[in-house]
Protein backbone atom coordinates (compact mmCIF):
# COMPACT_ATOMS: atom_id res chain seq x y z
CA MET A 1 -98.22 -16.15 60.17
CA GLY A 2 -94.42 -15.53 60.60
CA ARG A 3 -93.94 -19.34 58.74
CA THR A 4 -95.62 -17.43 55.76
CA ARG A 5 -93.71 -14.01 56.18
CA ARG A 6 -90.19 -16.83 55.42
CA MET A 7 -92.19 -18.55 53.21
CA LEU A 8 -93.07 -15.79 50.64
CA GLY A 9 -89.08 -14.05 51.38
CA ILE A 10 -87.64 -17.22 50.43
CA ALA A 11 -89.52 -17.45 47.39
CA LEU A 12 -88.54 -13.30 46.53
CA LEU A 13 -85.14 -14.41 46.70
CA SER A 14 -85.67 -16.92 44.54
CA THR A 15 -87.11 -14.95 41.95
CA GLY A 16 -84.61 -12.10 42.00
CA LEU A 17 -81.79 -15.22 41.68
CA LEU A 18 -83.50 -16.15 38.65
CA LEU A 19 -84.05 -13.08 36.97
CA SER A 20 -80.09 -12.43 38.15
CA THR A 21 -79.28 -15.04 35.76
CA ALA A 22 -81.39 -14.65 32.95
CA ALA A 23 -79.60 -11.35 32.51
CA CYS A 24 -76.33 -12.17 32.76
CA SER A 25 -76.96 -14.95 30.28
CA SER A 26 -78.49 -12.79 28.11
CA PHE A 27 -75.64 -10.01 28.40
CA ALA A 28 -73.22 -12.63 27.86
CA GLY A 29 -75.05 -14.45 24.50
CA ASP A 30 -75.41 -10.42 23.41
CA SER A 31 -71.59 -10.08 23.89
CA SER A 32 -70.81 -13.22 22.16
CA ALA A 33 -73.23 -12.41 18.84
CA SER A 34 -70.81 -9.16 18.69
CA THR A 35 -67.95 -10.55 19.14
CA THR A 36 -69.10 -12.88 16.25
CA THR A 37 -70.19 -10.03 13.99
CA ALA A 38 -67.30 -8.02 14.70
CA ARG A 39 -65.16 -10.82 13.84
CA SER A 40 -67.00 -11.20 10.62
CA THR A 41 -67.10 -7.53 9.45
CA ARG A 42 -63.50 -7.79 10.17
CA ALA A 43 -62.52 -10.48 7.70
CA SER A 44 -64.79 -9.18 5.38
CA GLU A 45 -63.08 -5.39 5.09
CA THR A 46 -59.78 -7.12 4.85
CA THR A 47 -61.45 -9.71 2.17
CA THR A 48 -62.62 -6.44 0.30
CA SER A 49 -59.18 -4.40 0.64
CA SER A 50 -57.30 -7.31 -0.64
CA SER A 51 -59.30 -7.41 -3.91
CA THR A 52 -59.15 -4.17 -4.30
CA SER A 53 -55.00 -3.81 -4.17
CA THR A 54 -54.92 -6.99 -6.31
CA SER A 55 -57.49 -4.97 -8.90
CA SER A 56 -55.35 -2.20 -8.74
CA THR A 57 -52.04 -4.14 -9.43
CA THR A 58 -54.05 -5.88 -12.38
CA THR A 59 -55.18 -2.58 -13.72
CA THR A 60 -51.50 -0.88 -13.36
CA SER A 61 -49.70 -4.03 -14.79
CA SER A 62 -51.87 -4.35 -17.88
CA SER A 63 -51.91 -0.88 -18.47
CA SER A 64 -48.11 -0.28 -18.82
CA PRO A 65 -47.03 0.28 -22.80
CA SER A 66 -44.65 -2.71 -23.89
CA SER A 67 -41.28 -1.56 -25.49
CA SER A 68 -40.39 -2.51 -29.20
CA ALA A 69 -37.78 -2.07 -31.54
CA SER A 70 -37.97 0.89 -33.58
CA PRO A 71 -38.08 -0.19 -37.48
CA GLY A 72 -35.89 0.99 -40.28
CA GLY A 73 -32.59 0.03 -38.28
CA PRO A 74 -29.31 -1.79 -39.62
CA LEU A 75 -30.08 -4.81 -42.76
CA PRO A 76 -29.84 -8.08 -41.49
CA THR A 77 -28.20 -10.79 -43.32
CA SER A 78 -31.55 -12.57 -43.02
CA ALA A 79 -32.98 -10.50 -46.02
CA ALA A 80 -30.70 -11.86 -48.57
CA GLY A 81 -32.54 -12.55 -51.35
CA ARG A 82 -36.02 -11.60 -50.52
CA LYS A 83 -38.06 -8.64 -52.07
CA LEU A 84 -37.52 -5.63 -49.63
CA THR A 85 -40.34 -3.45 -47.78
CA LEU A 86 -40.29 -0.04 -46.55
CA ALA A 87 -39.82 -1.14 -43.13
CA ASP A 88 -36.22 -2.63 -44.46
CA PHE A 89 -35.62 1.17 -45.67
CA PHE A 90 -33.13 3.47 -42.39
CA GLN A 91 -35.94 5.28 -41.22
CA PRO A 92 -37.83 6.46 -44.10
CA SER A 93 -39.85 9.36 -43.98
CA SER A 94 -43.79 9.20 -44.03
CA ASP A 95 -43.82 10.61 -47.69
CA TRP A 96 -42.65 7.09 -48.83
CA VAL A 97 -45.80 4.81 -49.13
CA GLU A 98 -45.75 1.12 -49.84
CA LYS A 99 -48.66 0.03 -52.45
CA ARG A 100 -49.36 -1.30 -55.85
CA TYR A 101 -48.61 0.53 -58.61
CA ASP A 102 -49.20 0.61 -62.22
CA ILE A 103 -46.32 1.65 -64.11
CA ALA A 104 -46.17 1.27 -67.83
CA ASP A 105 -47.43 -1.82 -69.04
CA LYS A 106 -46.80 -3.88 -65.54
CA SER A 107 -50.10 -3.79 -63.34
CA GLN A 108 -50.82 -4.25 -59.72
CA VAL A 109 -46.75 -4.24 -59.02
CA GLN A 110 -45.70 -3.94 -55.01
CA GLY A 111 -43.77 -0.94 -54.88
CA ILE A 112 -42.85 2.00 -52.46
CA GLY A 113 -43.50 5.27 -53.69
CA THR A 114 -43.57 8.41 -53.19
CA THR A 115 -44.39 12.21 -54.98
CA ILE A 116 -41.71 14.05 -56.86
CA SER A 117 -41.74 17.78 -57.53
CA SER A 118 -38.47 19.02 -57.22
CA CYS A 119 -35.82 19.74 -59.71
CA ASN A 120 -32.91 19.82 -57.25
CA GLN A 121 -30.66 16.94 -56.23
CA GLY A 122 -30.96 19.20 -52.54
CA ASN A 123 -34.79 18.22 -52.20
CA ALA A 124 -34.74 14.97 -53.27
CA GLN A 125 -36.78 11.90 -51.39
CA VAL A 126 -34.70 9.46 -50.51
CA LEU A 127 -34.60 5.75 -49.26
CA GLU A 128 -31.63 4.35 -47.76
CA LEU A 129 -30.10 0.82 -46.05
CA ARG A 130 -27.86 0.84 -43.63
CA LEU A 131 -26.00 -2.80 -45.09
CA GLY A 132 -22.76 -3.36 -42.48
CA ASN A 133 -20.88 -4.10 -45.30
CA LYS A 134 -22.45 -8.02 -45.53
CA PHE A 135 -23.94 -7.81 -48.84
CA LYS A 136 -22.85 -8.18 -52.35
CA GLN A 137 -25.05 -6.52 -54.79
CA LEU A 138 -28.31 -4.08 -54.95
CA THR A 139 -30.71 -4.58 -57.76
CA PHE A 140 -34.01 -2.76 -58.44
CA SER A 141 -36.28 -1.15 -60.83
CA ALA A 142 -37.42 2.20 -60.67
CA GLY A 143 -40.22 4.26 -62.61
CA GLN A 144 -43.18 6.66 -62.70
CA ALA A 145 -47.14 5.44 -61.60
CA ASN A 146 -49.08 5.69 -64.23
CA ASP A 147 -51.42 8.09 -62.22
CA SER A 148 -48.78 10.46 -61.93
CA ASP A 149 -50.11 14.19 -62.58
CA ALA A 150 -47.48 14.68 -65.25
CA SER A 151 -46.30 12.72 -68.37
CA ASP A 152 -44.09 15.14 -69.75
CA GLN A 153 -41.18 14.53 -66.72
CA ASN A 154 -38.14 12.31 -66.38
CA LEU A 155 -37.31 11.08 -62.96
CA VAL A 156 -33.76 10.95 -62.08
CA VAL A 157 -32.76 7.92 -60.25
CA GLU A 158 -29.39 8.33 -58.20
CA VAL A 159 -27.07 5.85 -56.27
CA LEU A 160 -25.28 6.96 -53.27
CA ALA A 161 -22.44 4.46 -51.89
CA ASN A 162 -20.63 5.80 -48.86
CA ASN A 163 -21.42 8.58 -50.40
CA GLN A 164 -20.07 8.55 -53.52
CA GLN A 165 -22.16 8.20 -56.40
CA VAL A 166 -22.36 4.75 -58.36
CA GLU A 167 -24.78 5.23 -60.37
CA ILE A 168 -27.31 7.55 -61.92
CA GLN A 169 -30.45 7.72 -64.96
CA SER A 170 -33.01 9.54 -66.35
CA VAL A 171 -35.90 7.73 -66.64
CA PRO A 172 -39.02 9.22 -68.57
CA PHE A 173 -42.57 8.40 -67.86
CA ASN A 174 -43.73 4.98 -69.09
CA GLN A 175 -40.22 3.19 -68.85
CA VAL A 176 -38.98 1.62 -66.22
CA GLN A 177 -35.33 1.35 -65.41
CA ASP A 178 -33.68 -1.67 -63.67
CA PHE A 179 -30.08 -1.44 -61.81
CA THR A 180 -27.68 -3.77 -60.62
CA ILE A 181 -25.43 -1.82 -57.65
CA LYS A 182 -22.00 -3.83 -55.96
CA LEU A 183 -22.00 -3.62 -52.61
CA ASP A 184 -18.33 -4.52 -51.80
CA GLY A 185 -17.64 -3.02 -48.79
CA VAL A 186 -20.83 -0.49 -48.82
CA ASN A 187 -22.17 0.34 -45.78
CA ALA A 188 -24.43 3.45 -46.37
CA LEU A 189 -26.31 3.21 -49.39
CA ARG A 190 -29.11 5.54 -50.60
CA ILE A 191 -31.10 6.40 -53.67
CA LEU A 192 -32.08 9.68 -54.44
CA LEU A 193 -35.41 10.85 -56.50
CA TYR A 194 -36.20 13.99 -58.28
CA LEU A 195 -36.70 15.61 -61.80
CA ASP A 196 -34.45 16.06 -64.62
CA ASN A 197 -33.62 19.82 -64.58
CA THR A 198 -32.27 19.04 -68.25
CA VAL A 199 -36.30 18.46 -69.71
CA GLN A 200 -37.34 21.57 -70.12
CA GLY A 201 -40.50 22.49 -68.20
CA CYS A 202 -39.38 20.54 -65.41
CA GLY A 203 -40.76 20.78 -62.33
CA SER A 204 -44.40 22.06 -64.02
CA GLY A 205 -46.15 18.92 -62.45
CA SER A 206 -45.25 16.53 -60.34
CA VAL A 207 -44.44 12.57 -60.53
CA ILE A 208 -44.92 9.78 -58.49
CA GLY A 209 -41.59 8.16 -58.56
CA VAL A 210 -41.48 4.17 -57.33
CA ILE A 211 -38.63 1.50 -56.50
CA THR A 212 -39.98 -1.66 -57.11
CA ASP A 213 -38.20 -5.30 -56.71
CA ALA A 214 -35.61 -4.12 -54.48
CA THR A 215 -33.29 -7.42 -53.42
CA VAL A 216 -29.86 -7.47 -51.70
CA ASN A 217 -27.77 -10.59 -52.12
């Protein structure tokens, strides 16, 4: 009987030890799994944070406006010999339009034009060139577009070099006037367009004044 009790006690003790060992192993496994999961979570958060930061930086960089030089500054010497465009003139107003015009017997002529309705020089439409004393001569032609509102007005084309008048012509409808201007020592040159107030009924209608074939040498 005593022997039986001893054997039963040993069996119970062995069972207790086995259960304790299994519990410790389970706890260790759970702890290791938790540690691995926590490391994976932290790594994922780090990767996500890095991607978000990179994306934010890229977006900010791409949205930054790029700087560009303002058009219509001083005319470079490389402009010599070619036909000038509206962008070559110094800060032209938005009233000027560069396109093709029909003038007198010439069709689809590339030119720079604007509507002229004033008989007063003080309200003239102006094109200006900044030349830097680097050119010798300016040539261009002027006339009225065939689709002008009026056909009974004369277009005055006045040229000022360094604020001094060097040329002035009154150009009737259906005519084209050629100009040759000396540029020695000229920095600022202005072309003024307005209606001829010596014509009867000046200002009773508007015209489209057009400058074509402007070239410096």
